């Protein structure tokens, strides 16, 4: 169940981050409220994740996949560019998430 909660936390974090971008520095109140709500519920599910998954695995996965997927959202929906060093960094983050999940302390 921990990975289900973690997946929900990641999706909600991405919704919150997208709302943050759309809030225009918290000037768009609807999206500003969405940011706070999505992040609040996200942290609830991240907390539930920690009942069954180790902190380092949960946080690395949540943060890493959040960064990777936020970059994808930024590219597709906001037409932002990703530099070559940025892409290399994102790939290294993905490798780190895989290493934590498949070769962590409990494996």
PDB file of N, CA and C in Angstrom:
ATOM      1  N   UNK A   1       0.818  -1.195   0.000  1.00  0.00           N
ATOM      2  CA  UNK A   1       0.000   0.000   0.000  1.00  0.00           C
ATOM      3  C   UNK A   1       0.868   1.268   0.000  1.00  0.00           C
ATOM      4  N   UNK A   2       2.101   1.128   0.487  1.00  0.00           N
ATOM      5  CA  UNK A   2       2.993   2.275   0.556  1.00  0.00           C
ATOM      6  C   UNK A   2       3.258   2.901  -0.809  1.00  0.00           C
ATOM      7  N   UNK A   3       3.451   2.067  -1.821  1.00  0.00           N
ATOM      8  CA  UNK A   3       3.718   2.608  -3.147  1.00  0.00           C
ATOM      9  C   UNK A   3       2.480   3.244  -3.770  1.00  0.00           C
ATOM     10  N   UNK A   4       1.301   2.783  -3.390  1.00  0.00           N
ATOM     11  CA  UNK A   4       0.062   3.428  -3.857  1.00  0.00           C
ATOM     12  C   UNK A   4      -0.025   4.833  -3.275  1.00  0.00           C
ATOM     13  N   UNK A   5       0.222   4.950  -1.974  1.00  0.00           N
ATOM     14  CA  UNK A   5       0.232   6.263  -1.338  1.00  0.00           C
ATOM     15  C   UNK A   5       1.311   7.155  -1.946  1.00  0.00           C
ATOM     16  N   UNK A   6       2.452   6.567  -2.227  1.00  0.00           N
ATOM     17  CA  UNK A   6       3.544   7.333  -2.815  1.00  0.00           C
ATOM     18  C   UNK A   6       3.165   7.843  -4.206  1.00  0.00           C
ATOM     19  N   UNK A   7       2.523   7.006  -5.003  1.00  0.00           N
ATOM     20  CA  UNK A   7       2.076   7.427  -6.340  1.00  0.00           C
ATOM     21  C   UNK A   7       1.076   8.579  -6.229  1.00  0.00           C
ATOM     22  N   UNK A   8       0.152   8.481  -5.279  1.00  0.00           N
ATOM     23  CA  UNK A   8      -0.803   9.572  -5.070  1.00  0.00           C
ATOM     24  C   UNK A   8      -0.090  10.851  -4.648  1.00  0.00           C
ATOM     25  N   UNK A   9       0.895  10.725  -3.766  1.00  0.00           N
ATOM     26  CA  UNK A   9       1.651  11.895  -3.313  1.00  0.00           C
ATOM     27  C   UNK A   9       2.378  12.553  -4.490  1.00  0.00           C
ATOM     28  N   UNK A  10       2.933  11.749  -5.376  1.00  0.00           N
ATOM     29  CA  UNK A  10       3.653  12.286  -6.530  1.00  0.00           C
ATOM     30  C   UNK A  10       2.700  13.008  -7.477  1.00  0.00           C
ATOM     31  N   UNK A  11       1.565  12.396  -7.772  1.00  0.00           N
ATOM     32  CA  UNK A  11       0.586  13.024  -8.669  1.00  0.00           C
ATOM     33  C   UNK A  11       0.079  14.338  -8.072  1.00  0.00           C
ATOM     34  N   UNK A  12      -0.230  14.327  -6.780  1.00  0.00           N
ATOM     35  CA  UNK A  12      -0.727  15.539  -6.127  1.00  0.00           C
ATOM     36  C   UNK A  12       0.344  16.629  -6.063  1.00  0.00           C
ATOM     37  N   UNK A  13       1.606  16.220  -5.871  1.00  0.00           N
ATOM     38  CA  UNK A  13       2.698  17.192  -5.870  1.00  0.00           C
ATOM     39  C   UNK A  13       2.829  17.839  -7.241  1.00  0.00           C
ATOM     40  N   UNK A  14       2.668  17.053  -8.297  1.00  0.00           N
ATOM     41  CA  UNK A  14       2.732  17.596  -9.656  1.00  0.00           C
ATOM     42  C   UNK A  14       1.573  18.547  -9.931  1.00  0.00           C
ATOM     43  N   UNK A  15       0.393  18.219  -9.420  1.00  0.00           N
ATOM     44  CA  UNK A  15      -0.755  19.121  -9.554  1.00  0.00           C
ATOM     45  C   UNK A  15      -0.486  20.430  -8.808  1.00  0.00           C
ATOM     46  N   UNK A  16       0.078  20.322  -7.609  1.00  0.00           N
ATOM     47  CA  UNK A  16       0.411  21.509  -6.830  1.00  0.00           C
ATOM     48  C   UNK A  16       1.468  22.367  -7.507  1.00  0.00           C
ATOM     49  N   UNK A  17       2.469  21.727  -8.069  1.00  0.00           N
ATOM     50  CA  UNK A  17       3.538  22.460  -8.748  1.00  0.00           C
ATOM     51  C   UNK A  17       3.008  23.145 -10.004  1.00  0.00           C
ATOM     52  N   UNK A  18       2.143  22.462 -10.737  1.00  0.00           N
ATOM     53  CA  UNK A  18       1.541  23.056 -11.930  1.00  0.00           C
ATOM     54  C   UNK A  18       0.669  24.254 -11.549  1.00  0.00           C
ATOM     55  N   UNK A  19      -0.107  24.101 -10.487  1.00  0.00           N
ATOM     56  CA  UNK A  19      -0.914  25.230 -10.004  1.00  0.00           C
ATOM     57  C   UNK A  19      -0.024  26.389  -9.579  1.00  0.00           C
ATOM     58  N   UNK A  20       1.127  26.063  -8.965  1.00  0.00           N
ATOM     59  CA  UNK A  20       2.049  27.112  -8.542  1.00  0.00           C
ATOM     60  C   UNK A  20       2.521  27.925  -9.753  1.00  0.00           C
ATOM     61  N   UNK A  21       2.853  27.228 -10.827  1.00  0.00           N
ATOM     62  CA  UNK A  21       3.278  27.913 -12.052  1.00  0.00           C
ATOM     63  C   UNK A  21       2.142  28.786 -12.591  1.00  0.00           C
ATOM     64  N   UNK A  22       0.928  28.235 -12.601  1.00  0.00           N
ATOM     65  CA  UNK A  22      -0.220  28.956 -13.136  1.00  0.00           C
ATOM     66  C   UNK A  22      -0.695  30.087 -12.224  1.00  0.00           C
ATOM     67  N   UNK A  23      -0.267  30.080 -10.965  1.00  0.00           N
ATOM     68  CA  UNK A  23      -0.728  31.096 -10.017  1.00  0.00           C
ATOM     69  C   UNK A  23      -0.098  32.467 -10.264  1.00  0.00           C
ATOM     70  N   UNK A  24       0.941  32.523 -11.097  1.00  0.00           N
ATOM     71  CA  UNK A  24       1.593  33.791 -11.426  1.00  0.00           C
ATOM     72  C   UNK A  24       2.038  34.516 -10.160  1.00  0.00           C
ATOM     73  N   UNK A  25       2.856  33.812  -9.365  1.00  0.00           N
ATOM     74  CA  UNK A  25       3.357  34.405  -8.127  1.00  0.00           C
ATOM     75  C   UNK A  25       2.273  34.596  -7.080  1.00  0.00           C
ATOM     76  N   UNK A  26       1.313  33.682  -7.072  1.00  0.00           N
ATOM     77  CA  UNK A  26       0.160  33.694  -6.154  1.00  0.00           C
ATOM     78  C   UNK A  26      -0.787  34.873  -6.428  1.00  0.00           C
ATOM     79  N   UNK A  27      -0.732  35.432  -7.633  1.00  0.00           N
ATOM     80  CA  UNK A  27      -1.670  36.488  -8.007  1.00  0.00           C
ATOM     81  C   UNK A  27      -2.993  35.940  -8.515  1.00  0.00           C
ATOM     82  N   UNK A  28      -2.983  34.730  -9.061  1.00  0.00           N
ATOM     83  CA  UNK A  28      -4.211  34.075  -9.506  1.00  0.00           C
ATOM     84  C   UNK A  28      -4.714  33.224  -8.339  1.00  0.00           C
ATOM     85  N   UNK A  29      -5.711  33.734  -7.640  1.00  0.00           N
ATOM     86  CA  UNK A  29      -6.141  33.133  -6.369  1.00  0.00           C
ATOM     87  C   UNK A  29      -6.620  31.696  -6.516  1.00  0.00           C
ATOM     88  N   UNK A  30      -7.293  31.368  -7.616  1.00  0.00           N
ATOM     89  CA  UNK A  30      -7.776  29.998  -7.824  1.00  0.00           C
ATOM     90  C   UNK A  30      -6.603  29.016  -7.829  1.00  0.00           C
ATOM     91  N   UNK A  31      -5.578  29.350  -8.608  1.00  0.00           N
ATOM     92  CA  UNK A  31      -4.416  28.463  -8.697  1.00  0.00           C
ATOM     93  C   UNK A  31      -3.568  28.511  -7.429  1.00  0.00           C
ATOM     94  N   UNK A  32      -3.545  29.657  -6.761  1.00  0.00           N
ATOM     95  CA  UNK A  32      -2.841  29.745  -5.480  1.00  0.00           C
ATOM     96  C   UNK A  32      -3.491  28.811  -4.464  1.00  0.00           C
ATOM     97  N   UNK A  33      -4.816  28.815  -4.417  1.00  0.00           N
ATOM     98  CA  UNK A  33      -5.531  27.908  -3.513  1.00  0.00           C
ATOM     99  C   UNK A  33      -5.287  26.458  -3.902  1.00  0.00           C
ATOM    100  N   UNK A  34      -5.272  26.181  -5.202  1.00  0.00           N
ATOM    101  CA  UNK A  34      -4.992  24.827  -5.683  1.00  0.00           C
ATOM    102  C   UNK A  34      -3.618  24.353  -5.244  1.00  0.00           C
ATOM    103  N   UNK A  35      -2.642  25.248  -5.294  1.00  0.00           N
ATOM    104  CA  UNK A  35      -1.295  24.911  -4.842  1.00  0.00           C
ATOM    105  C   UNK A  35      -1.304  24.440  -3.396  1.00  0.00           C
ATOM    106  N   UNK A  36      -1.934  25.221  -2.533  1.00  0.00           N
ATOM    107  CA  UNK A  36      -1.971  24.886  -1.107  1.00  0.00           C
ATOM    108  C   UNK A  36      -2.739  23.599  -0.835  1.00  0.00           C
ATOM    109  N   UNK A  37      -3.852  23.421  -1.505  1.00  0.00           N
ATOM    110  CA  UNK A  37      -4.675  22.222  -1.288  1.00  0.00           C
ATOM    111  C   UNK A  37      -3.949  20.978  -1.779  1.00  0.00           C
ATOM    112  N   UNK A  38      -3.434  21.044  -3.013  1.00  0.00           N
ATOM    113  CA  UNK A  38      -2.743  19.868  -3.565  1.00  0.00           C
ATOM    114  C   UNK A  38      -1.527  19.489  -2.731  1.00  0.00           C
ATOM    115  N   UNK A  39      -0.739  20.488  -2.320  1.00  0.00           N
ATOM    116  CA  UNK A  39       0.423  20.175  -1.497  1.00  0.00           C
ATOM    117  C   UNK A  39       0.022  19.635  -0.129  1.00  0.00           C
ATOM    118  N   UNK A  40      -1.031  20.166   0.453  1.00  0.00           N
ATOM    119  CA  UNK A  40      -1.491  19.656   1.748  1.00  0.00           C
ATOM    120  C   UNK A  40      -1.877  18.197   1.682  1.00  0.00           C
ATOM    121  N   UNK A  41      -2.658  17.835   0.677  1.00  0.00           N
ATOM    122  CA  UNK A  41      -3.085  16.439   0.526  1.00  0.00           C
ATOM    123  C   UNK A  41      -1.899  15.563   0.120  1.00  0.00           C
ATOM    124  N   UNK A  42      -1.002  16.128  -0.687  1.00  0.00           N
ATOM    125  CA  UNK A  42       0.213  15.410  -1.080  1.00  0.00           C
ATOM    126  C   UNK A  42       1.016  14.994   0.142  1.00  0.00           C
ATOM    127  N   UNK A  43       1.221  15.932   1.069  1.00  0.00           N
ATOM    128  CA  UNK A  43       2.010  15.621   2.256  1.00  0.00           C
ATOM    129  C   UNK A  43       1.295  14.629   3.172  1.00  0.00           C
ATOM    130  N   UNK A  44      -0.028  14.635   3.155  1.00  0.00           N
ATOM    131  CA  UNK A  44      -0.772  13.610   3.907  1.00  0.00           C
ATOM    132  C   UNK A  44      -0.415  12.224   3.368  1.00  0.00           C
ATOM    133  N   UNK A  45      -0.488  12.060   2.041  1.00  0.00           N
ATOM    134  CA  UNK A  45      -0.195  10.750   1.463  1.00  0.00           C
ATOM    135  C   UNK A  45       1.288  10.395   1.584  1.00  0.00           C
ATOM    136  N   UNK A  46       2.163  11.379   1.516  1.00  0.00           N
ATOM    137  CA  UNK A  46       3.583  11.098   1.734  1.00  0.00           C
ATOM    138  C   UNK A  46       3.804  10.603   3.161  1.00  0.00           C
ATOM    139  N   UNK A  47       3.106  11.182   4.112  1.00  0.00           N
ATOM    140  CA  UNK A  47       3.189  10.730   5.503  1.00  0.00           C
ATOM    141  C   UNK A  47       2.683   9.295   5.640  1.00  0.00           C
ATOM    142  N   UNK A  48       1.591   8.984   4.956  1.00  0.00           N
ATOM    143  CA  UNK A  48       1.051   7.617   4.994  1.00  0.00           C
ATOM    144  C   UNK A  48       2.045   6.627   4.374  1.00  0.00           C
ATOM    145  N   UNK A  49       2.762   7.081   3.366  1.00  0.00           N
ATOM    146  CA  UNK A  49       3.785   6.249   2.725  1.00  0.00           C
ATOM    147  C   UNK A  49       4.840   5.813   3.728  1.00  0.00           C
ATOM    148  N   UNK A  50       5.198   6.721   4.628  1.00  0.00           N
ATOM    149  CA  UNK A  50       6.293   6.464   5.564  1.00  0.00           C
ATOM    150  C   UNK A  50       5.940   5.423   6.626  1.00  0.00           C
ATOM    151  N   UNK A  51       4.682   5.001   6.679  1.00  0.00           N
ATOM    152  CA  UNK A  51       4.314   3.910   7.590  1.00  0.00           C
ATOM    153  C   UNK A  51       4.906   2.586   7.120  1.00  0.00           C
ATOM    154  N   UNK A  52       5.108   2.437   5.807  1.00  0.00           N
ATOM    155  CA  UNK A  52       5.564   1.150   5.285  1.00  0.00           C
ATOM    156  C   UNK A  52       6.864   1.211   4.489  1.00  0.00           C
ATOM    157  N   UNK A  53       7.263   2.400   4.042  1.00  0.00           N
ATOM    158  CA  UNK A  53       8.501   2.513   3.269  1.00  0.00           C
ATOM    159  C   UNK A  53       9.531   3.312   4.058  1.00  0.00           C
ATOM    160  N   UNK A  54      10.786   2.983   3.854  1.00  0.00           N
ATOM    161  CA  UNK A  54      11.867   3.730   4.491  1.00  0.00           C
ATOM    162  C   UNK A  54      11.868   5.167   3.979  1.00  0.00           C
ATOM    163  N   UNK A  55      12.244   6.081   4.852  1.00  0.00           N
ATOM    164  CA  UNK A  55      12.252   7.504   4.519  1.00  0.00           C
ATOM    165  C   UNK A  55      13.107   7.795   3.292  1.00  0.00           C
ATOM    166  N   UNK A  56      14.319   7.236   3.260  1.00  0.00           N
ATOM    167  CA  UNK A  56      15.208   7.573   2.140  1.00  0.00           C
ATOM    168  C   UNK A  56      14.665   7.094   0.800  1.00  0.00           C
ATOM    169  N   UNK A  57      14.008   5.952   0.786  1.00  0.00           N
ATOM    170  CA  UNK A  57      13.432   5.437  -0.459  1.00  0.00           C
ATOM    171  C   UNK A  57      12.216   6.265  -0.858  1.00  0.00           C
ATOM    172  N   UNK A  58      11.332   6.519   0.091  1.00  0.00           N
ATOM    173  CA  UNK A  58      10.119   7.284  -0.207  1.00  0.00           C
ATOM    174  C   UNK A  58      10.459   8.692  -0.678  1.00  0.00           C
ATOM    175  N   UNK A  59      11.370   9.351   0.038  1.00  0.00           N
ATOM    176  CA  UNK A  59      11.681  10.741  -0.299  1.00  0.00           C
ATOM    177  C   UNK A  59      12.454  10.844  -1.607  1.00  0.00           C
ATOM    178  N   UNK A  60      13.385   9.926  -1.827  1.00  0.00           N
ATOM    179  CA  UNK A  60      14.133   9.935  -3.089  1.00  0.00           C
ATOM    180  C   UNK A  60      13.203   9.693  -4.265  1.00  0.00           C
ATOM    181  N   UNK A  61      12.274   8.782  -4.110  1.00  0.00           N
ATOM    182  CA  UNK A  61      11.330   8.481  -5.184  1.00  0.00           C
ATOM    183  C   UNK A  61      10.389   9.653  -5.412  1.00  0.00           C
ATOM    184  N   UNK A  62       9.840  10.190  -4.326  1.00  0.00           N
ATOM    185  CA  UNK A  62       8.918  11.317  -4.428  1.00  0.00           C
ATOM    186  C   UNK A  62       9.608  12.530  -5.065  1.00  0.00           C
ATOM    187  N   UNK A  63      10.762  12.873  -4.541  1.00  0.00           N
ATOM    188  CA  UNK A  63      11.483  14.027  -5.069  1.00  0.00           C
ATOM    189  C   UNK A  63      11.999  13.800  -6.478  1.00  0.00           C
ATOM    190  N   UNK A  64      12.589  12.637  -6.702  1.00  0.00           N
ATOM    191  CA  UNK A  64      13.174  12.334  -8.010  1.00  0.00           C
ATOM    192  C   UNK A  64      12.142  12.273  -9.117  1.00  0.00           C
ATOM    193  N   UNK A  65      11.085  11.503  -8.893  1.00  0.00           N
ATOM    194  CA  UNK A  65      10.042  11.410  -9.918  1.00  0.00           C
ATOM    195  C   UNK A  65       9.316  12.734 -10.073  1.00  0.00           C
ATOM    196  N   UNK A  66       9.172  13.465  -8.982  1.00  0.00           N
ATOM    197  CA  UNK A  66       8.571  14.795  -9.075  1.00  0.00           C
ATOM    198  C   UNK A  66       9.378  15.709  -9.979  1.00  0.00           C
ATOM    199  N   UNK A  67      10.696  15.695  -9.836  1.00  0.00           N
ATOM    200  CA  UNK A  67      11.568  16.522 -10.674  1.00  0.00           C
ATOM    201  C   UNK A  67      11.482  16.087 -12.139  1.00  0.00           C
ATOM    202  N   UNK A  68      11.570  14.796 -12.359  1.00  0.00           N
ATOM    203  CA  UNK A  68      11.538  14.275 -13.732  1.00  0.00           C
ATOM    204  C   UNK A  68      10.212  14.618 -14.410  1.00  0.00           C
ATOM    205  N   UNK A  69       9.115  14.331 -13.729  1.00  0.00           N
ATOM    206  CA  UNK A  69       7.799  14.567 -14.329  1.00  0.00           C
ATOM    207  C   UNK A  69       7.476  16.058 -14.433  1.00  0.00           C
ATOM    208  N   UNK A  70       7.955  16.864 -13.499  1.00  0.00           N
ATOM    209  CA  UNK A  70       7.766  18.315 -13.602  1.00  0.00           C
ATOM    210  C   UNK A  70       8.494  18.855 -14.830  1.00  0.00           C
ATOM    211  N   UNK A  71       9.662  18.313 -15.123  1.00  0.00           N
ATOM    212  CA  UNK A  71      10.396  18.736 -16.319  1.00  0.00           C
ATOM    213  C   UNK A  71       9.617  18.374 -17.585  1.00  0.00           C
ATOM    214  N   UNK A  72       8.997  17.198 -17.584  1.00  0.00           N
ATOM    215  CA  UNK A  72       8.181  16.777 -18.733  1.00  0.00           C
ATOM    216  C   UNK A  72       6.981  17.710 -18.893  1.00  0.00           C
ATOM    217  N   UNK A  73       6.311  18.011 -17.787  1.00  0.00           N
ATOM    218  CA  UNK A  73       5.158  18.921 -17.819  1.00  0.00           C
ATOM    219  C   UNK A  73       5.594  20.305 -18.305  1.00  0.00           C
ATOM    220  N   UNK A  74       6.727  20.794 -17.798  1.00  0.00           N
ATOM    221  CA  UNK A  74       7.228  22.107 -18.205  1.00  0.00           C
ATOM    222  C   UNK A  74       7.500  22.149 -19.704  1.00  0.00           C
ATOM    223  N   UNK A  75       8.055  21.082 -20.230  1.00  0.00           N
ATOM    224  CA  UNK A  75       8.377  21.019 -21.656  1.00  0.00           C
ATOM    225  C   UNK A  75       7.114  20.951 -22.504  1.00  0.00           C
ATOM    226  N   UNK A  76       6.175  20.085 -22.125  1.00  0.00           N
ATOM    227  CA  UNK A  76       4.982  19.860 -22.950  1.00  0.00           C
ATOM    228  C   UNK A  76       3.979  21.009 -22.850  1.00  0.00           C
ATOM    229  N   UNK A  77       3.660  21.423 -21.632  1.00  0.00           N
ATOM    230  CA  UNK A  77       2.573  22.384 -21.437  1.00  0.00           C
ATOM    231  C   UNK A  77       3.020  23.851 -21.404  1.00  0.00           C
ATOM    232  N   UNK A  78       4.241  24.090 -20.940  1.00  0.00           N
ATOM    233  CA  UNK A  78       4.705  25.475 -20.824  1.00  0.00           C
ATOM    234  C   UNK A  78       5.805  25.808 -21.840  1.00  0.00           C
ATOM    235  N   UNK A  79       6.143  24.830 -22.685  1.00  0.00           N
ATOM    236  CA  UNK A  79       7.113  25.012 -23.767  1.00  0.00           C
ATOM    237  C   UNK A  79       8.451  25.547 -23.262  1.00  0.00           C
ATOM    238  N   UNK A  80       8.847  25.076 -22.090  1.00  0.00           N
ATOM    239  CA  UNK A  80      10.140  25.458 -21.525  1.00  0.00           C
ATOM    240  C   UNK A  80      11.222  24.561 -22.115  1.00  0.00           C
ATOM    241  N   UNK A  81      12.422  25.086 -22.211  1.00  0.00           N
ATOM    242  CA  UNK A  81      13.520  24.299 -22.761  1.00  0.00           C
ATOM    243  C   UNK A  81      14.305  23.642 -21.624  1.00  0.00           C
ATOM    244  N   UNK A  82      14.901  22.520 -21.939  1.00  0.00           N
ATOM    245  CA  UNK A  82      15.763  21.813 -20.998  1.00  0.00           C
ATOM    246  C   UNK A  82      17.148  21.747 -21.636  1.00  0.00           C
ATOM    247  N   UNK A  83      18.126  22.313 -20.977  1.00  0.00           N
ATOM    248  CA  UNK A  83      19.488  22.319 -21.516  1.00  0.00           C
ATOM    249  C   UNK A  83      20.090  20.916 -21.448  1.00  0.00           C
ATOM    250  N   UNK A  84      21.156  20.728 -22.175  1.00  0.00           N
ATOM    251  CA  UNK A  84      21.847  19.436 -22.143  1.00  0.00           C
ATOM    252  C   UNK A  84      22.349  19.098 -20.741  1.00  0.00           C
ATOM    253  N   UNK A  85      22.993  20.021 -20.036  1.00  0.00           N
ATOM    254  CA  UNK A  85      23.386  19.699 -18.653  1.00  0.00           C
ATOM    255  C   UNK A  85      22.177  19.405 -17.766  1.00  0.00           C
ATOM    256  N   UNK A  86      21.079  20.125 -17.993  1.00  0.00           N
ATOM    257  CA  UNK A  86      19.854  19.862 -17.227  1.00  0.00           C
ATOM    258  C   UNK A  86      19.321  18.464 -17.499  1.00  0.00           C
ATOM    259  N   UNK A  87      19.337  18.061 -18.765  1.00  0.00           N
ATOM    260  CA  UNK A  87      18.890  16.719 -19.139  1.00  0.00           C
ATOM    261  C   UNK A  87      19.787  15.656 -18.522  1.00  0.00           C
ATOM    262  N   UNK A  88      21.076  15.887 -18.526  1.00  0.00           N
ATOM    263  CA  UNK A  88      22.011  14.942 -17.897  1.00  0.00           C
ATOM    264  C   UNK A  88      21.714  14.830 -16.406  1.00  0.00           C
ATOM    265  N   UNK A  89      21.463  15.966 -15.766  1.00  0.00           N
ATOM    266  CA  UNK A  89      21.113  15.956 -14.344  1.00  0.00           C
ATOM    267  C   UNK A  89      19.841  15.170 -14.075  1.00  0.00           C
ATOM    268  N   UNK A  90      18.840  15.341 -14.920  1.00  0.00           N
ATOM    269  CA  UNK A  90      17.578  14.609 -14.756  1.00  0.00           C
ATOM    270  C   UNK A  90      17.805  13.109 -14.931  1.00  0.00           C
ATOM    271  N   UNK A  91      18.633  12.740 -15.880  1.00  0.00           N
ATOM    272  CA  UNK A  91      18.954  11.318 -16.069  1.00  0.00           C
ATOM    273  C   UNK A  91      19.663  10.762 -14.837  1.00  0.00           C
ATOM    274  N   UNK A  92      20.587  11.524 -14.275  1.00  0.00           N
ATOM    275  CA  UNK A  92      21.277  11.081 -13.060  1.00  0.00           C
ATOM    276  C   UNK A  92      20.310  10.932 -11.886  1.00  0.00           C
ATOM    277  N   UNK A  93      19.330  11.832 -11.792  1.00  0.00           N
ATOM    278  CA  UNK A  93      18.307  11.704 -10.751  1.00  0.00           C
ATOM    279  C   UNK A  93      17.528  10.414 -10.940  1.00  0.00           C
ATOM    280  N   UNK A  94      17.147  10.110 -12.186  1.00  0.00           N
ATOM    281  CA  UNK A  94      16.413   8.870 -12.471  1.00  0.00           C
ATOM    282  C   UNK A  94      17.236   7.647 -12.069  1.00  0.00           C
ATOM    283  N   UNK A  95      18.518   7.672 -12.377  1.00  0.00           N
ATOM    284  CA  UNK A  95      19.400   6.564 -11.994  1.00  0.00           C
ATOM    285  C   UNK A  95      19.446   6.433 -10.473  1.00  0.00           C
ATOM    286  N   UNK A  96      19.530   7.548  -9.774  1.00  0.00           N
ATOM    287  CA  UNK A  96      19.544   7.530  -8.311  1.00  0.00           C
ATOM    288  C   UNK A  96      18.276   6.947  -7.721  1.00  0.00           C
ATOM    289  N   UNK A  97      17.122   7.300  -8.292  1.00  0.00           N
ATOM    290  CA  UNK A  97      15.848   6.753  -7.812  1.00  0.00           C
ATOM    291  C   UNK A  97      15.810   5.242  -8.012  1.00  0.00           C
ATOM    292  N   UNK A  98      16.256   4.786  -9.167  1.00  0.00           N
ATOM    293  CA  UNK A  98      16.283   3.335  -9.428  1.00  0.00           C
ATOM    294  C   UNK A  98      17.213   2.643  -8.456  1.00  0.00           C
ATOM    295  N   UNK A  99      18.391   3.194  -8.244  1.00  0.00           N
ATOM    296  CA  UNK A  99      19.350   2.574  -7.321  1.00  0.00           C
ATOM    297  C   UNK A  99      18.786   2.492  -5.912  1.00  0.00           C
ATOM    298  N   UNK A 100      18.134   3.564  -5.444  1.00  0.00           N
ATOM    299  CA  UNK A 100      17.536   3.548  -4.098  1.00  0.00           C
ATOM    300  C   UNK A 100      16.449   2.485  -3.981  1.00  0.00           C
ATOM    301  N   UNK A 101      15.626   2.356  -5.000  1.00  0.00           N
ATOM    302  CA  UNK A 101      14.510   1.432  -4.929  1.00  0.00           C
ATOM    303  C   UNK A 101      14.897  -0.027  -5.106  1.00  0.00           C
ATOM    304  N   UNK A 102      15.868  -0.303  -5.934  1.00  0.00           N
ATOM    305  CA  UNK A 102      16.209  -1.694  -6.211  1.00  0.00           C
ATOM    306  C   UNK A 102      17.441  -2.218  -5.479  1.00  0.00           C
ATOM    307  N   UNK A 103      18.252  -1.315  -4.975  1.00  0.00           N
ATOM    308  CA  UNK A 103      19.460  -1.749  -4.292  1.00  0.00           C
ATOM    309  C   UNK A 103      19.642  -1.085  -2.937  1.00  0.00           C
ATOM    310  N   UNK A 104      18.533  -0.612  -2.347  1.00  0.00           N
ATOM    311  CA  UNK A 104      18.587   0.066  -1.054  1.00  0.00           C
ATOM    312  C   UNK A 104      18.909  -0.890   0.074  1.00  0.00           C
ATOM    313  N   UNK A 105      18.910  -0.389   1.272  1.00  0.00           N
ATOM    314  CA  UNK A 105      19.311  -1.143   2.459  1.00  0.00           C
ATOM    315  C   UNK A 105      18.485  -2.407   2.680  1.00  0.00           C
ATOM    316  N   UNK A 106      17.219  -2.400   2.255  1.00  0.00           N
ATOM    317  CA  UNK A 106      16.348  -3.554   2.511  1.00  0.00           C
ATOM    318  C   UNK A 106      16.418  -4.623   1.433  1.00  0.00           C
ATOM    319  N   UNK A 107      17.310  -4.468   0.460  1.00  0.00           N
ATOM    320  CA  UNK A 107      17.368  -5.447  -0.630  1.00  0.00           C
ATOM    321  C   UNK A 107      18.610  -6.293  -0.553  1.00  0.00           C
TER     322      UNK A 107
END
